[in-house]
Amino acid sequence: MAKFEVYLDEFGEYRFRLRARNGQIIAISQGYKSKEGCIKGIQSVKENAPDARVVILEEASGEKRENEAST
């Protein structure tokens, strides 16, 4: 089963990483000042990601474009 791991980084900030069932790290968060903020970040990902679309951001000739990827 996939799991979120909360840890303290070398700068004293809390981060979470998401590990797949095979143990591979598949996502790492930003730094949070508190453990509670980090937990809220995990909750936000769990609430917002199930229906999230995949968008590939590309820069072409100085313009930013968004292309939606099929999943």
C-alpha atoms as a PDB file:
ATOM      1  CA  MET A   1       0.000   0.000   0.000  1.00  0.00           C
ATOM      2  CA  ALA A   2       1.255   3.509  -0.798  1.00  0.00           C
ATOM      3  CA  LYS A   3       2.100   5.711   2.171  1.00  0.00           C
ATOM      4  CA  PHE A   4       2.943   9.291   3.106  1.00  0.00           C
ATOM      5  CA  GLU A   5       6.049   9.750   5.245  1.00  0.00           C
ATOM      6  CA  VAL A   6       6.559  12.925   7.308  1.00  0.00           C
ATOM      7  CA  TYR A   7      10.141  13.875   8.129  1.00  0.00           C
ATOM      8  CA  LEU A   8      12.296  16.779   9.278  1.00  0.00           C
ATOM      9  CA  ASP A   9      14.713  17.961   6.567  1.00  0.00           C
ATOM     10  CA  GLU A  10      18.240  19.335   6.962  1.00  0.00           C
ATOM     11  CA  PHE A  11      16.881  22.909   7.214  1.00  0.00           C
ATOM     12  CA  GLY A  12      14.545  22.096  10.122  1.00  0.00           C
ATOM     13  CA  GLU A  13      11.397  22.052   7.992  1.00  0.00           C
ATOM     14  CA  TYR A  14       8.824  19.285   7.828  1.00  0.00           C
ATOM     15  CA  ARG A  15       8.223  17.622   4.496  1.00  0.00           C
ATOM     16  CA  PHE A  16       6.255  14.645   3.284  1.00  0.00           C
ATOM     17  CA  ARG A  17       7.071  12.158   0.610  1.00  0.00           C
ATOM     18  CA  LEU A  18       4.706   9.731  -1.051  1.00  0.00           C
ATOM     19  CA  ARG A  19       6.008   6.199  -1.511  1.00  0.00           C
ATOM     20  CA  ALA A  20       4.488   3.727  -3.948  1.00  0.00           C
ATOM     21  CA  ARG A  21       3.799   0.139  -2.920  1.00  0.00           C
ATOM     22  CA  ASN A  22       7.198  -0.887  -4.263  1.00  0.00           C
ATOM     23  CA  GLY A  23       8.940   1.624  -1.968  1.00  0.00           C
ATOM     24  CA  GLN A  24       9.824   4.105  -4.705  1.00  0.00           C
ATOM     25  CA  ILE A  25       9.422   7.791  -3.821  1.00  0.00           C
ATOM     26  CA  ILE A  26       6.933   9.289  -6.263  1.00  0.00           C
ATOM     27  CA  ALA A  27       6.385  12.762  -4.768  1.00  0.00           C
ATOM     28  CA  ILE A  28       8.080  15.131  -2.318  1.00  0.00           C
ATOM     29  CA  SER A  29       6.441  18.184  -0.776  1.00  0.00           C
ATOM     30  CA  GLN A  30       7.563  21.703  -0.106  1.00  0.00           C
ATOM     31  CA  GLY A  31       8.951  22.519   3.346  1.00  0.00           C
ATOM     32  CA  TYR A  32       6.552  23.355   6.196  1.00  0.00           C
ATOM     33  CA  LYS A  33       7.401  25.194   9.423  1.00  0.00           C
ATOM     34  CA  SER A  34       5.245  22.880  11.557  1.00  0.00           C
ATOM     35  CA  LYS A  35       4.325  19.214  11.582  1.00  0.00           C
ATOM     36  CA  GLU A  36       0.661  20.227  11.689  1.00  0.00           C
ATOM     37  CA  GLY A  37       1.075  22.273   8.498  1.00  0.00           C
ATOM     38  CA  CYS A  38       2.711  19.288   6.826  1.00  0.00           C
ATOM     39  CA  ILE A  39      -0.183  17.018   7.828  1.00  0.00           C
ATOM     40  CA  LYS A  40      -2.614  19.599   6.397  1.00  0.00           C
ATOM     41  CA  GLY A  41      -0.615  19.499   3.157  1.00  0.00           C
ATOM     42  CA  ILE A  42      -1.089  15.723   2.990  1.00  0.00           C
ATOM     43  CA  GLN A  43      -4.811  16.111   3.641  1.00  0.00           C
ATOM     44  CA  SER A  44      -5.032  18.709   0.871  1.00  0.00           C
ATOM     45  CA  VAL A  45      -3.342  16.389  -1.626  1.00  0.00           C
ATOM     46  CA  LYS A  46      -5.638  13.523  -0.672  1.00  0.00           C
ATOM     47  CA  GLU A  47      -8.735  15.723  -1.031  1.00  0.00           C
ATOM     48  CA  ASN A  48      -7.759  17.523  -4.241  1.00  0.00           C
ATOM     49  CA  ALA A  49      -5.849  14.935  -6.259  1.00  0.00           C
ATOM     50  CA  PRO A  50      -8.402  12.179  -6.999  1.00  0.00           C
ATOM     51  CA  ASP A  51      -9.998  14.206  -9.792  1.00  0.00           C
ATOM     52  CA  ALA A  52      -6.973  16.303 -10.731  1.00  0.00           C
ATOM     53  CA  ARG A  53      -6.222  16.524 -14.420  1.00  0.00           C
ATOM     54  CA  VAL A  54      -2.727  16.153 -15.800  1.00  0.00           C
ATOM     55  CA  VAL A  55      -1.411  19.264 -17.555  1.00  0.00           C
ATOM     56  CA  ILE A  56       1.919  19.362 -19.359  1.00  0.00           C
ATOM     57  CA  LEU A  57       3.426  22.848 -19.192  1.00  0.00           C
ATOM     58  CA  GLU A  58       5.492  23.744 -22.221  1.00  0.00           C
ATOM     59  CA  GLU A  59       7.327  26.837 -23.308  1.00  0.00           C
ATOM     60  CA  ALA A  60       7.359  27.499 -27.010  1.00  0.00           C
ATOM     61  CA  SER A  61       8.989  30.617 -28.450  1.00  0.00           C
ATOM     62  CA  GLY A  62       8.761  32.455 -25.137  1.00  0.00           C
ATOM     63  CA  GLU A  63       5.078  31.639 -24.581  1.00  0.00           C
ATOM     64  CA  LYS A  64       3.824  29.307 -21.895  1.00  0.00           C
ATOM     65  CA  ARG A  65       1.248  26.793 -23.102  1.00  0.00           C
ATOM     66  CA  GLU A  66      -0.761  24.157 -21.305  1.00  0.00           C
ATOM     67  CA  ASN A  67      -1.500  20.832 -22.947  1.00  0.00           C
ATOM     68  CA  GLU A  68      -3.803  18.401 -21.217  1.00  0.00           C
ATOM     69  CA  ALA A  69      -2.508  14.843 -21.141  1.00  0.00           C
ATOM     70  CA  SER A  70      -4.762  11.829 -21.435  1.00  0.00           C
ATOM     71  CA  THR A  71      -4.546   9.434 -18.505  1.00  0.00           C
END
